[in-house]
């Protein structure tokens, strides 16, 4: 996963992205599902995060979520 982050970062960092990374299901608490930060590049992100947002929706639906503007 780190290699994937590195390649994406190297190809896209000049486009204005500020972060590339993975969130993983928290392995120790299956009854209280949360996502923890995995391999990443550049700015750190919040960890753990709940399943209520777009990341949780991606896990629940097993589908990529495309967010054009994370601020909106």
PDB file of N, CA and C in Angstrom:
ATOM      1  N   UNK A   1       0.819  -1.190   0.000  1.00  0.00           N
ATOM      2  CA  UNK A   1       0.000   0.000   0.000  1.00  0.00           C
ATOM      3  C   UNK A   1       0.864   1.256   0.000  1.00  0.00           C
ATOM      4  N   UNK A   2       1.996   1.200   0.699  1.00  0.00           N
ATOM      5  CA  UNK A   2       2.869   2.376   0.703  1.00  0.00           C
ATOM      6  C   UNK A   2       3.397   2.659  -0.690  1.00  0.00           C
ATOM      7  N   UNK A   3       3.719   1.614  -1.432  1.00  0.00           N
ATOM      8  CA  UNK A   3       4.207   1.803  -2.808  1.00  0.00           C
ATOM      9  C   UNK A   3       3.161   2.467  -3.681  1.00  0.00           C
ATOM     10  N   UNK A   4       1.908   2.068  -3.500  1.00  0.00           N
ATOM     11  CA  UNK A   4       0.804   2.684  -4.255  1.00  0.00           C
ATOM     12  C   UNK A   4       0.691   4.158  -3.887  1.00  0.00           C
ATOM     13  N   UNK A   5       0.746   4.463  -2.595  1.00  0.00           N
ATOM     14  CA  UNK A   5       0.698   5.864  -2.157  1.00  0.00           C
ATOM     15  C   UNK A   5       1.832   6.668  -2.778  1.00  0.00           C
ATOM     16  N   UNK A   6       3.022   6.100  -2.794  1.00  0.00           N
ATOM     17  CA  UNK A   6       4.184   6.802  -3.335  1.00  0.00           C
ATOM     18  C   UNK A   6       4.007   7.113  -4.819  1.00  0.00           C
ATOM     19  N   UNK A   7       3.521   6.144  -5.576  1.00  0.00           N
ATOM     20  CA  UNK A   7       3.324   6.355  -7.017  1.00  0.00           C
ATOM     21  C   UNK A   7       2.262   7.417  -7.266  1.00  0.00           C
ATOM     22  N   UNK A   8       1.127   7.308  -6.577  1.00  0.00           N
ATOM     23  CA  UNK A   8       0.057   8.299  -6.755  1.00  0.00           C
ATOM     24  C   UNK A   8       0.557   9.682  -6.365  1.00  0.00           C
ATOM     25  N   UNK A   9       1.253   9.768  -5.239  1.00  0.00           N
ATOM     26  CA  UNK A   9       1.778  11.054  -4.769  1.00  0.00           C
ATOM     27  C   UNK A   9       2.734  11.661  -5.798  1.00  0.00           C
ATOM     28  N   UNK A  10       3.648  10.846  -6.291  1.00  0.00           N
ATOM     29  CA  UNK A  10       4.630  11.349  -7.258  1.00  0.00           C
ATOM     30  C   UNK A  10       3.977  11.840  -8.545  1.00  0.00           C
ATOM     31  N   UNK A  11       2.894  11.195  -8.944  1.00  0.00           N
ATOM     32  CA  UNK A  11       2.226  11.582 -10.196  1.00  0.00           C
ATOM     33  C   UNK A  11       1.279  12.765 -10.031  1.00  0.00           C
ATOM     34  N   UNK A  12       0.699  12.919  -8.838  1.00  0.00           N
ATOM     35  CA  UNK A  12      -0.363  13.925  -8.677  1.00  0.00           C
ATOM     36  C   UNK A  12      -0.023  15.096  -7.761  1.00  0.00           C
ATOM     37  N   UNK A  13       1.092  15.070  -7.084  1.00  0.00           N
ATOM     38  CA  UNK A  13       1.340  16.112  -6.076  1.00  0.00           C
ATOM     39  C   UNK A  13       1.398  17.520  -6.652  1.00  0.00           C
ATOM     40  N   UNK A  14       1.760  17.651  -7.894  1.00  0.00           N
ATOM     41  CA  UNK A  14       1.821  18.982  -8.505  1.00  0.00           C
ATOM     42  C   UNK A  14       0.456  19.465  -8.978  1.00  0.00           C
ATOM     43  N   UNK A  15      -0.577  18.649  -8.826  1.00  0.00           N
ATOM     44  CA  UNK A  15      -1.928  19.044  -9.238  1.00  0.00           C
ATOM     45  C   UNK A  15      -2.684  19.757  -8.121  1.00  0.00           C
ATOM     46  N   UNK A  16      -2.092  19.817  -6.941  1.00  0.00           N
ATOM     47  CA  UNK A  16      -2.742  20.499  -5.837  1.00  0.00           C
ATOM     48  C   UNK A  16      -3.284  19.583  -4.759  1.00  0.00           C
ATOM     49  N   UNK A  17      -3.158  18.254  -4.914  1.00  0.00           N
ATOM     50  CA  UNK A  17      -3.628  17.377  -3.846  1.00  0.00           C
ATOM     51  C   UNK A  17      -2.729  17.559  -2.631  1.00  0.00           C
ATOM     52  N   UNK A  18      -3.278  17.335  -1.461  1.00  0.00           N
ATOM     53  CA  UNK A  18      -2.486  17.528  -0.250  1.00  0.00           C
ATOM     54  C   UNK A  18      -2.280  16.233   0.526  1.00  0.00           C
ATOM     55  N   UNK A  19      -2.898  15.147   0.065  1.00  0.00           N
ATOM     56  CA  UNK A  19      -2.831  13.919   0.848  1.00  0.00           C
ATOM     57  C   UNK A  19      -3.214  12.738  -0.024  1.00  0.00           C
ATOM     58  N   UNK A  20      -2.547  11.629   0.164  1.00  0.00           N
ATOM     59  CA  UNK A  20      -2.884  10.350  -0.459  1.00  0.00           C
ATOM     60  C   UNK A  20      -2.701   9.294   0.621  1.00  0.00           C
ATOM     61  N   UNK A  21      -3.676   8.420   0.783  1.00  0.00           N
ATOM     62  CA  UNK A  21      -3.496   7.385   1.793  1.00  0.00           C
ATOM     63  C   UNK A  21      -4.635   6.404   1.865  1.00  0.00           C
ATOM     64  N   UNK A  22      -4.501   5.497   2.815  1.00  0.00           N
ATOM     65  CA  UNK A  22      -5.474   4.432   3.040  1.00  0.00           C
ATOM     66  C   UNK A  22      -5.984   4.478   4.464  1.00  0.00           C
ATOM     67  N   UNK A  23      -7.262   4.197   4.621  1.00  0.00           N
ATOM     68  CA  UNK A  23      -7.836   3.893   5.935  1.00  0.00           C
ATOM     69  C   UNK A  23      -8.166   2.415   5.949  1.00  0.00           C
ATOM     70  N   UNK A  24      -7.962   1.766   7.085  1.00  0.00           N
ATOM     71  CA  UNK A  24      -8.195   0.336   7.239  1.00  0.00           C
ATOM     72  C   UNK A  24      -9.168   0.096   8.377  1.00  0.00           C
ATOM     73  N   UNK A  25      -9.963  -0.966   8.264  1.00  0.00           N
ATOM     74  CA  UNK A  25     -10.853  -1.305   9.372  1.00  0.00           C
ATOM     75  C   UNK A  25     -10.020  -1.615  10.611  1.00  0.00           C
ATOM     76  N   UNK A  26     -10.453  -1.083  11.747  1.00  0.00           N
ATOM     77  CA  UNK A  26      -9.754  -1.311  13.006  1.00  0.00           C
ATOM     78  C   UNK A  26      -9.851  -2.795  13.346  1.00  0.00           C
ATOM     79  N   UNK A  27      -8.727  -3.505  13.434  1.00  0.00           N
ATOM     80  CA  UNK A  27      -8.782  -4.961  13.582  1.00  0.00           C
ATOM     81  C   UNK A  27      -9.158  -5.460  14.975  1.00  0.00           C
ATOM     82  N   UNK A  28      -9.006  -4.617  15.995  1.00  0.00           N
ATOM     83  CA  UNK A  28      -9.186  -5.082  17.367  1.00  0.00           C
ATOM     84  C   UNK A  28     -10.591  -4.905  17.913  1.00  0.00           C
ATOM     85  N   UNK A  29     -11.449  -4.179  17.195  1.00  0.00           N
ATOM     86  CA  UNK A  29     -12.774  -3.887  17.727  1.00  0.00           C
ATOM     87  C   UNK A  29     -13.855  -4.093  16.672  1.00  0.00           C
ATOM     88  N   UNK A  30     -14.135  -5.335  16.279  1.00  0.00           N
ATOM     89  CA  UNK A  30     -15.124  -5.564  15.224  1.00  0.00           C
ATOM     90  C   UNK A  30     -16.530  -5.115  15.607  1.00  0.00           C
ATOM     91  N   UNK A  31     -16.833  -5.077  16.899  1.00  0.00           N
ATOM     92  CA  UNK A  31     -18.166  -4.651  17.336  1.00  0.00           C
ATOM     93  C   UNK A  31     -18.330  -3.132  17.265  1.00  0.00           C
ATOM     94  N   UNK A  32     -17.242  -2.398  17.263  1.00  0.00           N
ATOM     95  CA  UNK A  32     -17.261  -0.934  17.199  1.00  0.00           C
ATOM     96  C   UNK A  32     -16.414  -0.526  15.995  1.00  0.00           C
ATOM     97  N   UNK A  33     -16.975  -0.746  14.796  1.00  0.00           N
ATOM     98  CA  UNK A  33     -16.172  -0.529  13.599  1.00  0.00           C
ATOM     99  C   UNK A  33     -15.746   0.924  13.445  1.00  0.00           C
ATOM    100  N   UNK A  34     -14.451   1.068  13.266  1.00  0.00           N
ATOM    101  CA  UNK A  34     -13.846   2.360  12.977  1.00  0.00           C
ATOM    102  C   UNK A  34     -12.733   2.119  11.977  1.00  0.00           C
ATOM    103  N   UNK A  35     -12.315   3.186  11.348  1.00  0.00           N
ATOM    104  CA  UNK A  35     -11.212   3.106  10.391  1.00  0.00           C
ATOM    105  C   UNK A  35      -9.986   3.760  11.003  1.00  0.00           C
ATOM    106  N   UNK A  36      -8.840   3.112  10.819  1.00  0.00           N
ATOM    107  CA  UNK A  36      -7.587   3.674  11.316  1.00  0.00           C
ATOM    108  C   UNK A  36      -6.698   4.020  10.124  1.00  0.00           C
ATOM    109  N   UNK A  37      -5.869   4.996  10.304  1.00  0.00           N
ATOM    110  CA  UNK A  37      -4.992   5.471   9.247  1.00  0.00           C
ATOM    111  C   UNK A  37      -3.925   4.444   8.935  1.00  0.00           C
ATOM    112  N   UNK A  38      -3.784   4.148   7.651  1.00  0.00           N
ATOM    113  CA  UNK A  38      -2.759   3.230   7.180  1.00  0.00           C
ATOM    114  C   UNK A  38      -1.668   4.004   6.453  1.00  0.00           C
ATOM    115  N   UNK A  39      -1.025   3.368   5.479  1.00  0.00           N
ATOM    116  CA  UNK A  39       0.022   4.040   4.720  1.00  0.00           C
ATOM    117  C   UNK A  39      -0.494   5.320   4.068  1.00  0.00           C
ATOM    118  N   UNK A  40       0.367   6.343   4.013  1.00  0.00           N
ATOM    119  CA  UNK A  40      -0.053   7.643   3.486  1.00  0.00           C
ATOM    120  C   UNK A  40       1.162   8.424   3.015  1.00  0.00           C
ATOM    121  N   UNK A  41       0.881   9.521   2.333  1.00  0.00           N
ATOM    122  CA  UNK A  41       1.924  10.469   1.937  1.00  0.00           C
ATOM    123  C   UNK A  41       1.483  11.869   2.308  1.00  0.00           C
ATOM    124  N   UNK A  42       2.392  12.606   2.803  1.00  0.00           N
ATOM    125  CA  UNK A  42       2.314  14.003   3.179  1.00  0.00           C
ATOM    126  C   UNK A  42       1.511  14.202   4.449  1.00  0.00           C
ATOM    127  N   UNK A  43       0.576  15.124   4.428  1.00  0.00           N
ATOM    128  CA  UNK A  43      -0.067  15.563   5.661  1.00  0.00           C
ATOM    129  C   UNK A  43      -0.764  14.415   6.403  1.00  0.00           C
ATOM    130  N   UNK A  44      -0.615  14.363   7.740  1.00  0.00           N
ATOM    131  CA  UNK A  44      -1.330  13.335   8.492  1.00  0.00           C
ATOM    132  C   UNK A  44      -2.834  13.612   8.470  1.00  0.00           C
ATOM    133  N   UNK A  45      -3.589  12.583   8.707  1.00  0.00           N
ATOM    134  CA  UNK A  45      -5.048  12.707   8.724  1.00  0.00           C
ATOM    135  C   UNK A  45      -5.568  12.187  10.058  1.00  0.00           C
ATOM    136  N   UNK A  46      -6.852  12.398  10.297  1.00  0.00           N
ATOM    137  CA  UNK A  46      -7.476  11.965  11.549  1.00  0.00           C
ATOM    138  C   UNK A  46      -7.496  10.442  11.637  1.00  0.00           C
ATOM    139  N   UNK A  47      -7.316   9.945  12.836  1.00  0.00           N
ATOM    140  CA  UNK A  47      -7.385   8.508  13.052  1.00  0.00           C
ATOM    141  C   UNK A  47      -7.623   8.254  14.529  1.00  0.00           C
ATOM    142  N   UNK A  48      -8.559   7.392  14.876  1.00  0.00           N
ATOM    143  CA  UNK A  48      -9.483   6.685  14.001  1.00  0.00           C
ATOM    144  C   UNK A  48     -10.635   7.583  13.580  1.00  0.00           C
ATOM    145  N   UNK A  49     -11.372   7.122  12.587  1.00  0.00           N
ATOM    146  CA  UNK A  49     -12.577   7.831  12.166  1.00  0.00           C
ATOM    147  C   UNK A  49     -13.752   6.855  12.173  1.00  0.00           C
ATOM    148  N   UNK A  50     -14.953   7.404  12.385  1.00  0.00           N
ATOM    149  CA  UNK A  50     -16.159   6.589  12.422  1.00  0.00           C
ATOM    150  C   UNK A  50     -16.604   6.186  11.027  1.00  0.00           C
ATOM    151  N   UNK A  51     -17.621   5.375  10.990  1.00  0.00           N
ATOM    152  CA  UNK A  51     -18.138   4.834   9.730  1.00  0.00           C
ATOM    153  C   UNK A  51     -19.260   5.684   9.142  1.00  0.00           C
ATOM    154  N   UNK A  52     -19.543   6.849   9.700  1.00  0.00           N
ATOM    155  CA  UNK A  52     -20.699   7.643   9.288  1.00  0.00           C
ATOM    156  C   UNK A  52     -20.450   8.511   8.054  1.00  0.00           C
ATOM    157  N   UNK A  53     -19.216   8.745   7.675  1.00  0.00           N
ATOM    158  CA  UNK A  53     -18.910   9.635   6.558  1.00  0.00           C
ATOM    159  C   UNK A  53     -18.687   8.905   5.255  1.00  0.00           C
ATOM    160  N   UNK A  54     -18.059   9.602   4.324  1.00  0.00           N
ATOM    161  CA  UNK A  54     -17.838   9.055   2.990  1.00  0.00           C
ATOM    162  C   UNK A  54     -16.892   7.847   3.027  1.00  0.00           C
ATOM    163  N   UNK A  55     -15.940   7.820   3.927  1.00  0.00           N
ATOM    164  CA  UNK A  55     -15.048   6.661   4.033  1.00  0.00           C
ATOM    165  C   UNK A  55     -15.823   5.429   4.497  1.00  0.00           C
ATOM    166  N   UNK A  56     -16.684   5.606   5.474  1.00  0.00           N
ATOM    167  CA  UNK A  56     -17.530   4.499   5.928  1.00  0.00           C
ATOM    168  C   UNK A  56     -18.475   4.035   4.838  1.00  0.00           C
ATOM    169  N   UNK A  57     -18.999   4.983   4.067  1.00  0.00           N
ATOM    170  CA  UNK A  57     -19.878   4.640   2.944  1.00  0.00           C
ATOM    171  C   UNK A  57     -19.129   3.794   1.909  1.00  0.00           C
ATOM    172  N   UNK A  58     -17.874   4.113   1.671  1.00  0.00           N
ATOM    173  CA  UNK A  58     -17.062   3.341   0.733  1.00  0.00           C
ATOM    174  C   UNK A  58     -16.887   1.910   1.231  1.00  0.00           C
ATOM    175  N   UNK A  59     -16.631   1.739   2.531  1.00  0.00           N
ATOM    176  CA  UNK A  59     -16.476   0.399   3.094  1.00  0.00           C
ATOM    177  C   UNK A  59     -17.789  -0.363   3.009  1.00  0.00           C
ATOM    178  N   UNK A  60     -18.877   0.268   3.444  1.00  0.00           N
ATOM    179  CA  UNK A  60     -20.182  -0.398   3.459  1.00  0.00           C
ATOM    180  C   UNK A  60     -20.653  -0.806   2.069  1.00  0.00           C
ATOM    181  N   UNK A  61     -20.378   0.031   1.082  1.00  0.00           N
ATOM    182  CA  UNK A  61     -20.850  -0.243  -0.282  1.00  0.00           C
ATOM    183  C   UNK A  61     -19.833  -1.013  -1.116  1.00  0.00           C
ATOM    184  N   UNK A  62     -18.612  -1.134  -0.616  1.00  0.00           N
ATOM    185  CA  UNK A  62     -17.512  -1.758  -1.370  1.00  0.00           C
ATOM    186  C   UNK A  62     -17.333  -1.094  -2.726  1.00  0.00           C
ATOM    187  N   UNK A  63     -17.492   0.243  -2.735  1.00  0.00           N
ATOM    188  CA  UNK A  63     -17.372   0.996  -3.986  1.00  0.00           C
ATOM    189  C   UNK A  63     -16.565   2.272  -3.747  1.00  0.00           C
ATOM    190  N   UNK A  64     -15.878   2.678  -4.785  1.00  0.00           N
ATOM    191  CA  UNK A  64     -15.116   3.924  -4.741  1.00  0.00           C
ATOM    192  C   UNK A  64     -16.078   5.093  -4.592  1.00  0.00           C
ATOM    193  N   UNK A  65     -15.714   6.047  -3.749  1.00  0.00           N
ATOM    194  CA  UNK A  65     -16.489   7.269  -3.571  1.00  0.00           C
ATOM    195  C   UNK A  65     -15.658   8.415  -4.132  1.00  0.00           C
ATOM    196  N   UNK A  66     -16.194   9.134  -5.090  1.00  0.00           N
ATOM    197  CA  UNK A  66     -15.489  10.272  -5.658  1.00  0.00           C
ATOM    198  C   UNK A  66     -16.081  11.542  -5.084  1.00  0.00           C
ATOM    199  N   UNK A  67     -15.228  12.335  -4.454  1.00  0.00           N
ATOM    200  CA  UNK A  67     -15.653  13.583  -3.826  1.00  0.00           C
ATOM    201  C   UNK A  67     -14.951  14.718  -4.563  1.00  0.00           C
ATOM    202  N   UNK A  68     -15.717  15.496  -5.288  1.00  0.00           N
ATOM    203  CA  UNK A  68     -15.130  16.579  -6.091  1.00  0.00           C
ATOM    204  C   UNK A  68     -14.533  17.685  -5.214  1.00  0.00           C
ATOM    205  N   UNK A  69     -15.203  18.007  -4.122  1.00  0.00           N
ATOM    206  CA  UNK A  69     -14.734  19.077  -3.241  1.00  0.00           C
ATOM    207  C   UNK A  69     -15.028  18.675  -1.804  1.00  0.00           C
ATOM    208  N   UNK A  70     -14.010  18.277  -1.057  1.00  0.00           N
ATOM    209  CA  UNK A  70     -14.218  17.813   0.301  1.00  0.00           C
ATOM    210  C   UNK A  70     -14.726  18.906   1.243  1.00  0.00           C
ATOM    211  N   UNK A  71     -14.579  20.150   0.846  1.00  0.00           N
ATOM    212  CA  UNK A  71     -15.063  21.247   1.700  1.00  0.00           C
ATOM    213  C   UNK A  71     -16.574  21.381   1.674  1.00  0.00           C
ATOM    214  N   UNK A  72     -17.205  20.925   0.593  1.00  0.00           N
ATOM    215  CA  UNK A  72     -18.663  21.007   0.510  1.00  0.00           C
ATOM    216  C   UNK A  72     -19.290  19.692   0.903  1.00  0.00           C
TER     217      UNK A  72
END
